[in-house]
Amino acid sequence: RMATFENALRSLEEQGAVKIKTVSKEEQEQRQMVIGVSGFVVHNKLLFYQQVNSWHSDDRLSNDSKLLSRSRQTMRYLGLVPSQRNRHGFLAWGGHEFIFDNQTIQQRRSVGCQAGS
């Protein structure tokens, strides 16, 4: 699924829907990134939502007005989260800019370790 997400982002970039910020293989390994993307900016939300949400056909909305929870979960697993927070302090998933966040990766790993114990 991770390679699929990276390929989908690259396809979306070719279509002008997103602009990707990439990193070198060395930085990817150093930062323990699953994919070589440090962030991206969404230029066409509808196309972005349709592409990312299409992986979760059993969890589809009647429209693609937002990212599905499974899509957000996949992005969190990759450490890609919104750069902005909403007025309540939660991640603003409806935003346009997403960044790689080391803290998110560490939180996901600690949850995984706790679940495995």
Protein backbone atom coordinates (compact mmCIF):
# COMPACT_ATOMS: atom_id res chain seq x y z
CA ARG A 1 0.00 0.00 0.00
CA MET A 2 2.90 2.40 0.69
CA ALA A 3 4.29 2.10 -2.83
CA THR A 4 0.74 2.56 -4.08
CA PHE A 5 0.41 5.80 -2.13
CA GLU A 6 3.70 7.13 -3.45
CA ASN A 7 2.77 6.15 -7.02
CA ALA A 8 -0.65 7.77 -6.60
CA LEU A 9 0.98 11.00 -5.42
CA ARG A 10 3.32 10.98 -8.42
CA SER A 11 0.37 10.37 -10.75
CA LEU A 12 -1.55 13.22 -9.11
CA GLU A 13 1.48 15.46 -9.55
CA GLU A 14 1.57 14.64 -13.27
CA GLN A 15 -2.10 15.68 -13.43
CA GLY A 16 -1.35 18.96 -11.62
CA ALA A 17 -3.42 18.02 -8.55
CA VAL A 18 -0.49 18.08 -6.08
CA LYS A 19 3.08 19.35 -5.84
CA ILE A 20 5.37 16.87 -4.08
CA LYS A 21 8.43 17.68 -1.97
CA THR A 22 10.85 14.75 -2.20
CA VAL A 23 13.95 13.77 -0.22
CA SER A 24 17.08 11.84 -1.11
CA LYS A 25 17.39 8.14 -0.26
CA GLU A 26 19.93 9.05 2.44
CA GLU A 27 17.56 11.51 4.12
CA GLN A 28 14.71 9.04 3.79
CA GLU A 29 16.74 6.40 5.64
CA GLN A 30 18.06 8.86 8.22
CA ARG A 31 14.58 10.16 9.05
CA GLN A 32 13.15 6.61 8.86
CA MET A 33 10.59 7.65 6.27
CA VAL A 34 8.52 4.92 4.63
CA ILE A 35 8.36 6.82 1.33
CA GLY A 36 10.64 9.52 -0.07
CA VAL A 37 8.11 12.34 0.29
CA SER A 38 8.62 15.06 2.89
CA GLY A 39 5.34 16.74 2.06
CA PHE A 40 3.01 17.92 -0.65
CA VAL A 41 0.62 20.72 -1.47
CA VAL A 42 -2.83 19.91 -2.86
CA HIS A 43 -3.95 22.03 -5.82
CA ASN A 44 -7.05 20.01 -6.74
CA LYS A 45 -8.76 18.64 -3.61
CA LEU A 46 -11.51 16.77 -5.44
CA LEU A 47 -9.07 14.80 -7.59
CA PHE A 48 -6.81 14.17 -4.59
CA TYR A 49 -9.70 12.90 -2.43
CA GLN A 50 -11.06 10.71 -5.24
CA GLN A 51 -7.68 9.07 -5.85
CA VAL A 52 -6.76 8.47 -2.21
CA ASN A 53 -10.26 7.44 -1.12
CA SER A 54 -10.60 4.98 -4.03
CA TRP A 55 -8.44 2.43 -2.14
CA HIS A 56 -11.16 2.05 0.48
CA SER A 57 -14.20 1.22 -1.62
CA ASP A 58 -15.93 -0.51 1.30
CA ASP A 59 -15.81 2.76 3.25
CA ARG A 60 -16.97 5.15 0.51
CA LEU A 61 -18.91 8.35 1.00
CA SER A 62 -21.59 9.32 -1.50
CA ASN A 63 -19.15 12.03 -2.62
CA ASP A 64 -15.47 12.79 -2.23
CA SER A 65 -15.79 15.95 -0.15
CA LYS A 66 -13.18 14.85 2.40
CA LEU A 67 -10.57 12.22 3.16
CA LEU A 68 -12.03 9.03 4.58
CA SER A 69 -10.84 7.89 7.99
CA ARG A 70 -8.92 4.97 6.44
CA SER A 71 -7.18 7.38 4.06
CA ARG A 72 -6.19 9.60 6.98
CA GLN A 73 -4.96 6.52 8.87
CA THR A 74 -2.76 5.50 5.91
CA MET A 75 -1.29 8.98 5.75
CA ARG A 76 -0.61 9.01 9.50
CA TYR A 77 1.16 5.66 9.17
CA LEU A 78 3.42 7.28 6.56
CA GLY A 79 3.96 10.27 8.86
CA LEU A 80 2.23 12.63 6.41
CA VAL A 81 -0.10 14.94 8.29
CA PRO A 82 -1.65 18.37 7.70
CA SER A 83 0.68 21.28 8.39
CA GLN A 84 -2.20 23.21 10.01
CA ARG A 85 -4.44 22.57 12.99
CA ASN A 86 -8.02 23.66 13.38
CA ARG A 87 -9.22 26.06 16.07
CA HIS A 88 -9.65 23.15 18.51
CA GLY A 89 -6.05 22.02 18.08
CA PHE A 90 -6.79 18.95 15.96
CA LEU A 91 -5.14 18.22 12.63
CA ALA A 92 -6.92 20.12 9.84
CA TRP A 93 -7.36 17.31 7.30
CA GLY A 94 -9.24 19.63 4.94
CA GLY A 95 -6.14 21.77 4.41
CA HIS A 96 -3.94 22.05 1.35
CA GLU A 97 -0.47 21.33 2.76
CA PHE A 98 0.78 18.06 4.23
CA ILE A 99 4.18 17.47 5.83
CA PHE A 100 6.25 14.58 7.13
CA ASP A 101 6.18 14.61 10.91
CA ASN A 102 8.71 12.52 12.89
CA GLN A 103 6.58 12.73 16.04
CA THR A 104 3.64 11.10 14.27
CA ILE A 105 5.86 8.19 13.16
CA GLN A 106 7.16 7.70 16.71
CA GLN A 107 3.62 7.77 18.12
CA ARG A 108 2.45 5.19 15.58
CA ARG A 109 5.40 2.93 16.41
CA SER A 110 4.80 3.17 20.16
CA VAL A 111 1.13 2.27 19.65
CA GLY A 112 2.21 -0.67 17.49
CA CYS A 113 4.71 -1.83 20.11
CA GLN A 114 2.11 -1.58 22.87
CA ALA A 115 -0.40 -3.52 20.79
CA GLY A 116 2.21 -6.21 20.11
CA SER A 117 3.06 -6.67 23.81
